[in-house]
């Protein structure tokens, strides 16, 4: 990674965290109870974990990540979809 790449990555993380914090405050203000707000956060976290684990499992036997998954899904013609 170049300096520009890493700088853009950090700036993107900072912007996305600030957006999530603003949305989180709006959601918390509209929640009926504290338990509902915490439950929705827990449910969202569990769904994200299931998605991440499912995606990680797709290429377990091989290295390659996204390219490996796309090649399996598109019968070897998926490499061009990655870029």
PDB file of N, CA and C in Angstrom:
ATOM      1  N   UNK A   1       0.843  -1.177   0.000  1.00  0.00           N
ATOM      2  CA  UNK A   1       0.000   0.000   0.000  1.00  0.00           C
ATOM      3  C   UNK A   1       0.887   1.238   0.000  1.00  0.00           C
ATOM      4  N   UNK A   2       0.462   2.195  -0.761  1.00  0.00           N
ATOM      5  CA  UNK A   2       1.193   3.454  -0.793  1.00  0.00           C
ATOM      6  C   UNK A   2       0.683   4.366   0.322  1.00  0.00           C
ATOM      7  N   UNK A   3       1.364   5.469   0.485  1.00  0.00           N
ATOM      8  CA  UNK A   3       0.952   6.437   1.502  1.00  0.00           C
ATOM      9  C   UNK A   3      -0.436   6.994   1.193  1.00  0.00           C
ATOM     10  N   UNK A   4      -0.696   7.242  -0.082  1.00  0.00           N
ATOM     11  CA  UNK A   4      -2.021   7.753  -0.464  1.00  0.00           C
ATOM     12  C   UNK A   4      -3.114   6.734  -0.163  1.00  0.00           C
ATOM     13  N   UNK A   5      -2.851   5.463  -0.471  1.00  0.00           N
ATOM     14  CA  UNK A   5      -3.838   4.414  -0.190  1.00  0.00           C
ATOM     15  C   UNK A   5      -4.160   4.335   1.298  1.00  0.00           C
ATOM     16  N   UNK A   6      -3.133   4.308   2.122  1.00  0.00           N
ATOM     17  CA  UNK A   6      -3.365   4.196   3.562  1.00  0.00           C
ATOM     18  C   UNK A   6      -4.027   5.452   4.123  1.00  0.00           C
ATOM     19  N   UNK A   7      -3.683   6.610   3.605  1.00  0.00           N
ATOM     20  CA  UNK A   7      -4.322   7.846   4.056  1.00  0.00           C
ATOM     21  C   UNK A   7      -5.806   7.849   3.699  1.00  0.00           C
ATOM     22  N   UNK A   8      -6.128   7.439   2.476  1.00  0.00           N
ATOM     23  CA  UNK A   8      -7.536   7.371   2.063  1.00  0.00           C
ATOM     24  C   UNK A   8      -8.309   6.358   2.896  1.00  0.00           C
ATOM     25  N   UNK A   9      -7.673   5.261   3.239  1.00  0.00           N
ATOM     26  CA  UNK A   9      -8.324   4.247   4.069  1.00  0.00           C
ATOM     27  C   UNK A   9      -8.652   4.805   5.454  1.00  0.00           C
ATOM     28  N   UNK A  10      -7.720   5.481   6.064  1.00  0.00           N
ATOM     29  CA  UNK A  10      -7.943   6.053   7.397  1.00  0.00           C
ATOM     30  C   UNK A  10      -9.010   7.142   7.357  1.00  0.00           C
ATOM     31  N   UNK A  11      -8.968   8.001   6.353  1.00  0.00           N
ATOM     32  CA  UNK A  11      -9.980   9.058   6.237  1.00  0.00           C
ATOM     33  C   UNK A  11     -11.366   8.443   6.045  1.00  0.00           C
ATOM     34  N   UNK A  12     -11.469   7.386   5.228  1.00  0.00           N
ATOM     35  CA  UNK A  12     -12.747   6.710   5.037  1.00  0.00           C
ATOM     36  C   UNK A  12     -13.273   6.100   6.317  1.00  0.00           C
ATOM     37  N   UNK A  13     -12.375   5.531   7.112  1.00  0.00           N
ATOM     38  CA  UNK A  13     -12.793   4.953   8.395  1.00  0.00           C
ATOM     39  C   UNK A  13     -13.306   6.041   9.332  1.00  0.00           C
ATOM     40  N   UNK A  14     -12.619   7.145   9.376  1.00  0.00           N
ATOM     41  CA  UNK A  14     -13.032   8.244  10.259  1.00  0.00           C
ATOM     42  C   UNK A  14     -14.403   8.781   9.842  1.00  0.00           C
ATOM     43  N   UNK A  15     -14.615   8.949   8.549  1.00  0.00           N
ATOM     44  CA  UNK A  15     -15.901   9.460   8.072  1.00  0.00           C
ATOM     45  C   UNK A  15     -17.021   8.467   8.362  1.00  0.00           C
ATOM     46  N   UNK A  16     -16.780   7.179   8.121  1.00  0.00           N
ATOM     47  CA  UNK A  16     -17.842   6.192   8.346  1.00  0.00           C
ATOM     48  C   UNK A  16     -18.176   6.048   9.823  1.00  0.00           C
ATOM     49  N   UNK A  17     -17.185   6.157  10.689  1.00  0.00           N
ATOM     50  CA  UNK A  17     -17.450   6.075  12.128  1.00  0.00           C
ATOM     51  C   UNK A  17     -18.285   7.269  12.579  1.00  0.00           C
ATOM     52  N   UNK A  18     -17.981   8.448  12.056  1.00  0.00           N
ATOM     53  CA  UNK A  18     -18.763   9.625  12.459  1.00  0.00           C
ATOM     54  C   UNK A  18     -20.197   9.531  11.953  1.00  0.00           C
ATOM     55  N   UNK A  19     -20.400   8.969  10.755  1.00  0.00           N
ATOM     56  CA  UNK A  19     -21.756   8.784  10.244  1.00  0.00           C
ATOM     57  C   UNK A  19     -22.514   7.790  11.117  1.00  0.00           C
ATOM     58  N   UNK A  20     -21.847   6.703  11.495  1.00  0.00           N
ATOM     59  CA  UNK A  20     -22.507   5.706  12.344  1.00  0.00           C
ATOM     60  C   UNK A  20     -22.854   6.271  13.710  1.00  0.00           C
ATOM     61  N   UNK A  21     -22.002   7.118  14.258  1.00  0.00           N
ATOM     62  CA  UNK A  21     -22.291   7.706  15.560  1.00  0.00           C
ATOM     63  C   UNK A  21     -23.489   8.632  15.489  1.00  0.00           C
ATOM     64  N   UNK A  22     -23.612   9.403  14.406  1.00  0.00           N
ATOM     65  CA  UNK A  22     -24.768  10.287  14.276  1.00  0.00           C
ATOM     66  C   UNK A  22     -26.048   9.477  14.111  1.00  0.00           C
ATOM     67  N   UNK A  23     -25.996   8.417  13.310  1.00  0.00           N
ATOM     68  CA  UNK A  23     -27.180   7.583  13.118  1.00  0.00           C
ATOM     69  C   UNK A  23     -27.542   6.858  14.408  1.00  0.00           C
ATOM     70  N   UNK A  24     -26.539   6.446  15.143  1.00  0.00           N
ATOM     71  CA  UNK A  24     -26.779   5.728  16.392  1.00  0.00           C
ATOM     72  C   UNK A  24     -27.503   6.622  17.397  1.00  0.00           C
ATOM     73  N   UNK A  25     -27.130   7.874  17.462  1.00  0.00           N
ATOM     74  CA  UNK A  25     -27.798   8.791  18.381  1.00  0.00           C
ATOM     75  C   UNK A  25     -29.259   9.008  17.985  1.00  0.00           C
ATOM     76  N   UNK A  26     -29.533   9.092  16.682  1.00  0.00           N
ATOM     77  CA  UNK A  26     -30.911   9.268  16.224  1.00  0.00           C
ATOM     78  C   UNK A  26     -31.750   8.031  16.525  1.00  0.00           C
ATOM     79  N   UNK A  27     -31.161   6.854  16.338  1.00  0.00           N
ATOM     80  CA  UNK A  27     -31.886   5.613  16.618  1.00  0.00           C
ATOM     81  C   UNK A  27     -32.157   5.481  18.114  1.00  0.00           C
ATOM     82  N   UNK A  28     -31.162   5.811  18.928  1.00  0.00           N
ATOM     83  CA  UNK A  28     -31.331   5.711  20.382  1.00  0.00           C
ATOM     84  C   UNK A  28     -32.399   6.676  20.879  1.00  0.00           C
ATOM     85  N   UNK A  29     -32.522   7.825  20.241  1.00  0.00           N
ATOM     86  CA  UNK A  29     -33.538   8.787  20.640  1.00  0.00           C
ATOM     87  C   UNK A  29     -34.952   8.320  20.328  1.00  0.00           C
ATOM     88  N   UNK A  30     -35.100   7.472  19.323  1.00  0.00           N
ATOM     89  CA  UNK A  30     -36.423   6.992  18.933  1.00  0.00           C
ATOM     90  C   UNK A  30     -36.772   5.640  19.554  1.00  0.00           C
ATOM     91  N   UNK A  31     -35.836   5.017  20.211  1.00  0.00           N
ATOM     92  CA  UNK A  31     -36.098   3.707  20.820  1.00  0.00           C
ATOM     93  C   UNK A  31     -37.066   3.864  21.987  1.00  0.00           C
ATOM     94  N   UNK A  32     -38.004   2.944  22.083  1.00  0.00           N
ATOM     95  CA  UNK A  32     -39.007   2.994  23.141  1.00  0.00           C
ATOM     96  C   UNK A  32     -38.369   2.673  24.483  1.00  0.00           C
ATOM     97  N   UNK A  33     -37.550   1.651  24.495  1.00  0.00           N
ATOM     98  CA  UNK A  33     -36.887   1.238  25.728  1.00  0.00           C
ATOM     99  C   UNK A  33     -35.419   1.005  25.458  1.00  0.00           C
ATOM    100  N   UNK A  34     -34.655   1.041  26.508  1.00  0.00           N
ATOM    101  CA  UNK A  34     -33.228   0.782  26.381  1.00  0.00           C
ATOM    102  C   UNK A  34     -32.967  -0.648  25.929  1.00  0.00           C
ATOM    103  N   UNK A  35     -33.806  -1.575  26.363  1.00  0.00           N
ATOM    104  CA  UNK A  35     -33.654  -2.990  25.987  1.00  0.00           C
ATOM    105  C   UNK A  35     -33.865  -3.172  24.489  1.00  0.00           C
ATOM    106  N   UNK A  36     -34.823  -2.447  23.911  1.00  0.00           N
ATOM    107  CA  UNK A  36     -35.068  -2.540  22.467  1.00  0.00           C
ATOM    108  C   UNK A  36     -33.869  -2.037  21.683  1.00  0.00           C
ATOM    109  N   UNK A  37     -33.272  -0.960  22.146  1.00  0.00           N
ATOM    110  CA  UNK A  37     -32.102  -0.393  21.485  1.00  0.00           C
ATOM    111  C   UNK A  37     -30.918  -1.353  21.572  1.00  0.00           C
ATOM    112  N   UNK A  38     -30.691  -1.920  22.734  1.00  0.00           N
ATOM    113  CA  UNK A  38     -29.585  -2.861  22.893  1.00  0.00           C
ATOM    114  C   UNK A  38     -29.842  -4.152  22.118  1.00  0.00           C
ATOM    115  N   UNK A  39     -31.082  -4.593  22.090  1.00  0.00           N
ATOM    116  CA  UNK A  39     -31.431  -5.799  21.341  1.00  0.00           C
ATOM    117  C   UNK A  39     -31.232  -5.624  19.846  1.00  0.00           C
ATOM    118  N   UNK A  40     -31.569  -4.456  19.334  1.00  0.00           N
ATOM    119  CA  UNK A  40     -31.369  -4.217  17.907  1.00  0.00           C
ATOM    120  C   UNK A  40     -29.886  -4.179  17.556  1.00  0.00           C
ATOM    121  N   UNK A  41     -29.080  -3.646  18.449  1.00  0.00           N
ATOM    122  CA  UNK A  41     -27.631  -3.659  18.230  1.00  0.00           C
ATOM    123  C   UNK A  41     -27.063  -5.059  18.272  1.00  0.00           C
ATOM    124  N   UNK A  42     -27.539  -5.861  19.205  1.00  0.00           N
ATOM    125  CA  UNK A  42     -27.083  -7.247  19.312  1.00  0.00           C
ATOM    126  C   UNK A  42     -27.517  -8.060  18.095  1.00  0.00           C
ATOM    127  N   UNK A  43     -28.746  -7.872  17.647  1.00  0.00           N
ATOM    128  CA  UNK A  43     -29.235  -8.581  16.472  1.00  0.00           C
ATOM    129  C   UNK A  43     -28.444  -8.194  15.220  1.00  0.00           C
ATOM    130  N   UNK A  44     -28.180  -6.923  15.063  1.00  0.00           N
ATOM    131  CA  UNK A  44     -27.381  -6.473  13.920  1.00  0.00           C
ATOM    132  C   UNK A  44     -25.968  -7.031  13.952  1.00  0.00           C
ATOM    133  N   UNK A  45     -25.382  -7.096  15.140  1.00  0.00           N
ATOM    134  CA  UNK A  45     -24.050  -7.679  15.275  1.00  0.00           C
ATOM    135  C   UNK A  45     -24.028  -9.157  14.952  1.00  0.00           C
ATOM    136  N   UNK A  46     -25.045  -9.885  15.384  1.00  0.00           N
ATOM    137  CA  UNK A  46     -25.119 -11.316  15.086  1.00  0.00           C
ATOM    138  C   UNK A  46     -25.316 -11.575  13.587  1.00  0.00           C
ATOM    139  N   UNK A  47     -26.139 -10.770  12.948  1.00  0.00           N
ATOM    140  CA  UNK A  47     -26.328 -10.918  11.506  1.00  0.00           C
ATOM    141  C   UNK A  47     -25.044 -10.603  10.745  1.00  0.00           C
ATOM    142  N   UNK A  48     -24.318  -9.588  11.189  1.00  0.00           N
ATOM    143  CA  UNK A  48     -23.042  -9.260  10.558  1.00  0.00           C
ATOM    144  C   UNK A  48     -22.031 -10.379  10.752  1.00  0.00           C
ATOM    145  N   UNK A  49     -22.005 -10.961  11.935  1.00  0.00           N
ATOM    146  CA  UNK A  49     -21.097 -12.070  12.203  1.00  0.00           C
ATOM    147  C   UNK A  49     -21.425 -13.272  11.329  1.00  0.00           C
ATOM    148  N   UNK A  50     -22.709 -13.605  11.188  1.00  0.00           N
ATOM    149  CA  UNK A  50     -23.106 -14.728  10.325  1.00  0.00           C
ATOM    150  C   UNK A  50     -22.691 -14.479   8.881  1.00  0.00           C
ATOM    151  N   UNK A  51     -22.877 -13.276   8.393  1.00  0.00           N
ATOM    152  CA  UNK A  51     -22.475 -12.950   7.030  1.00  0.00           C
ATOM    153  C   UNK A  51     -20.970 -13.034   6.843  1.00  0.00           C
ATOM    154  N   UNK A  52     -20.214 -12.529   7.804  1.00  0.00           N
ATOM    155  CA  UNK A  52     -18.753 -12.571   7.704  1.00  0.00           C
ATOM    156  C   UNK A  52     -18.227 -13.999   7.764  1.00  0.00           C
ATOM    157  N   UNK A  53     -18.777 -14.813   8.640  1.00  0.00           N
ATOM    158  CA  UNK A  53     -18.322 -16.199   8.737  1.00  0.00           C
ATOM    159  C   UNK A  53     -18.700 -17.006   7.497  1.00  0.00           C
ATOM    160  N   UNK A  54     -19.872 -16.757   6.947  1.00  0.00           N
ATOM    161  CA  UNK A  54     -20.275 -17.443   5.720  1.00  0.00           C
ATOM    162  C   UNK A  54     -19.371 -17.060   4.557  1.00  0.00           C
ATOM    163  N   UNK A  55     -19.059 -15.791   4.462  1.00  0.00           N
ATOM    164  CA  UNK A  55     -18.195 -15.310   3.385  1.00  0.00           C
ATOM    165  C   UNK A  55     -16.779 -15.848   3.552  1.00  0.00           C
ATOM    166  N   UNK A  56     -16.296 -15.926   4.780  1.00  0.00           N
ATOM    167  CA  UNK A  56     -14.952 -16.441   5.038  1.00  0.00           C
ATOM    168  C   UNK A  56     -14.870 -17.931   4.739  1.00  0.00           C
ATOM    169  N   UNK A  57     -15.941 -18.650   4.928  1.00  0.00           N
ATOM    170  CA  UNK A  57     -15.946 -20.095   4.715  1.00  0.00           C
ATOM    171  C   UNK A  57     -15.892 -20.470   3.238  1.00  0.00           C
ATOM    172  N   UNK A  58     -16.290 -19.571   2.355  1.00  0.00           N
ATOM    173  CA  UNK A  58     -16.363 -19.901   0.940  1.00  0.00           C
ATOM    174  C   UNK A  58     -15.012 -20.310   0.355  1.00  0.00           C
ATOM    175  N   UNK A  59     -13.934 -19.733   0.797  1.00  0.00           N
ATOM    176  CA  UNK A  59     -12.618 -20.020   0.228  1.00  0.00           C
ATOM    177  C   UNK A  59     -11.670 -20.614   1.258  1.00  0.00           C
ATOM    178  N   UNK A  60     -12.190 -21.340   2.203  1.00  0.00           N
ATOM    179  CA  UNK A  60     -11.364 -21.900   3.256  1.00  0.00           C
ATOM    180  C   UNK A  60     -10.223 -22.782   2.738  1.00  0.00           C
ATOM    181  N   UNK A  61     -10.463 -23.701   1.785  1.00  0.00           N
ATOM    182  CA  UNK A  61      -9.377 -24.588   1.379  1.00  0.00           C
ATOM    183  C   UNK A  61      -8.285 -23.886   0.568  1.00  0.00           C
ATOM    184  N   UNK A  62      -8.571 -22.732  -0.017  1.00  0.00           N
ATOM    185  CA  UNK A  62      -7.617 -22.048  -0.872  1.00  0.00           C
ATOM    186  C   UNK A  62      -7.384 -20.631  -0.385  1.00  0.00           C
ATOM    187  N   UNK A  63      -6.259 -20.069  -0.831  1.00  0.00           N
ATOM    188  CA  UNK A  63      -6.031 -18.651  -0.601  1.00  0.00           C
ATOM    189  C   UNK A  63      -6.570 -17.898  -1.806  1.00  0.00           C
ATOM    190  N   UNK A  64      -6.921 -16.662  -1.615  1.00  0.00           N
ATOM    191  CA  UNK A  64      -7.377 -15.870  -2.743  1.00  0.00           C
ATOM    192  C   UNK A  64      -8.569 -14.996  -2.439  1.00  0.00           C
ATOM    193  N   UNK A  65      -9.291 -15.300  -1.386  1.00  0.00           N
ATOM    194  CA  UNK A  65     -10.395 -14.452  -0.955  1.00  0.00           C
ATOM    195  C   UNK A  65     -11.467 -14.246  -2.002  1.00  0.00           C
ATOM    196  N   UNK A  66     -11.689 -12.987  -2.382  1.00  0.00           N
ATOM    197  CA  UNK A  66     -12.772 -12.629  -3.295  1.00  0.00           C
ATOM    198  C   UNK A  66     -12.613 -13.272  -4.665  1.00  0.00           C
ATOM    199  N   UNK A  67     -11.385 -13.322  -5.160  1.00  0.00           N
ATOM    200  CA  UNK A  67     -11.153 -13.892  -6.486  1.00  0.00           C
ATOM    201  C   UNK A  67     -11.508 -15.376  -6.491  1.00  0.00           C
ATOM    202  N   UNK A  68     -11.158 -16.074  -5.430  1.00  0.00           N
ATOM    203  CA  UNK A  68     -11.482 -17.499  -5.316  1.00  0.00           C
ATOM    204  C   UNK A  68     -12.996 -17.697  -5.326  1.00  0.00           C
ATOM    205  N   UNK A  69     -13.707 -16.895  -4.583  1.00  0.00           N
ATOM    206  CA  UNK A  69     -15.170 -16.986  -4.530  1.00  0.00           C
ATOM    207  C   UNK A  69     -15.790 -16.702  -5.898  1.00  0.00           C
ATOM    208  N   UNK A  70     -15.328 -15.645  -6.560  1.00  0.00           N
ATOM    209  CA  UNK A  70     -15.888 -15.294  -7.860  1.00  0.00           C
ATOM    210  C   UNK A  70     -15.583 -16.357  -8.905  1.00  0.00           C
ATOM    211  N   UNK A  71     -14.398 -16.952  -8.856  1.00  0.00           N
ATOM    212  CA  UNK A  71     -14.076 -18.022  -9.804  1.00  0.00           C
ATOM    213  C   UNK A  71     -14.971 -19.235  -9.587  1.00  0.00           C
ATOM    214  N   UNK A  72     -15.266 -19.549  -8.339  1.00  0.00           N
ATOM    215  CA  UNK A  72     -16.181 -20.669  -8.075  1.00  0.00           C
ATOM    216  C   UNK A  72     -17.593 -20.349  -8.540  1.00  0.00           C
ATOM    217  N   UNK A  73     -18.037 -19.143  -8.275  1.00  0.00           N
ATOM    218  CA  UNK A  73     -19.405 -18.756  -8.625  1.00  0.00           C
ATOM    219  C   UNK A  73     -19.596 -18.635 -10.132  1.00  0.00           C
ATOM    220  N   UNK A  74     -18.575 -18.226 -10.843  1.00  0.00           N
ATOM    221  CA  UNK A  74     -18.677 -17.987 -12.284  1.00  0.00           C
ATOM    222  C   UNK A  74     -17.911 -19.005 -13.127  1.00  0.00           C
ATOM    223  N   UNK A  75     -17.621 -20.165 -12.556  1.00  0.00           N
ATOM    224  CA  UNK A  75     -16.953 -21.265 -13.275  1.00  0.00           C
ATOM    225  C   UNK A  75     -15.639 -20.824 -13.911  1.00  0.00           C
ATOM    226  N   UNK A  76     -14.806 -20.140 -13.146  1.00  0.00           N
ATOM    227  CA  UNK A  76     -13.483 -19.749 -13.618  1.00  0.00           C
ATOM    228  C   UNK A  76     -13.431 -18.443 -14.385  1.00  0.00           C
ATOM    229  N   UNK A  77     -14.566 -17.818 -14.654  1.00  0.00           N
ATOM    230  CA  UNK A  77     -14.583 -16.573 -15.418  1.00  0.00           C
ATOM    231  C   UNK A  77     -14.859 -15.362 -14.525  1.00  0.00           C
ATOM    232  N   UNK A  78     -14.661 -15.488 -13.233  1.00  0.00           N
ATOM    233  CA  UNK A  78     -15.028 -14.423 -12.320  1.00  0.00           C
ATOM    234  C   UNK A  78     -13.913 -13.462 -11.987  1.00  0.00           C
ATOM    235  N   UNK A  79     -12.709 -13.732 -12.453  1.00  0.00           N
ATOM    236  CA  UNK A  79     -11.577 -12.885 -12.081  1.00  0.00           C
ATOM    237  C   UNK A  79     -11.763 -11.441 -12.540  1.00  0.00           C
ATOM    238  N   UNK A  80     -12.338 -11.232 -13.711  1.00  0.00           N
ATOM    239  CA  UNK A  80     -12.498  -9.862 -14.210  1.00  0.00           C
ATOM    240  C   UNK A  80     -13.514  -9.065 -13.387  1.00  0.00           C
ATOM    241  N   UNK A  81     -14.401  -9.736 -12.639  1.00  0.00           N
ATOM    242  CA  UNK A  81     -15.393  -9.025 -11.836  1.00  0.00           C
ATOM    243  C   UNK A  81     -14.779  -8.390 -10.582  1.00  0.00           C
ATOM    244  N   UNK A  82     -13.610  -8.856 -10.195  1.00  0.00           N
ATOM    245  CA  UNK A  82     -12.994  -8.364  -8.957  1.00  0.00           C
ATOM    246  C   UNK A  82     -12.517  -6.935  -9.096  1.00  0.00           C
ATOM    247  N   UNK A  83     -11.991  -6.579 -10.232  1.00  0.00           N
ATOM    248  CA  UNK A  83     -11.470  -5.219 -10.417  1.00  0.00           C
ATOM    249  C   UNK A  83     -12.594  -4.327 -10.728  1.00  0.00           C
TER     250      UNK A  83
END
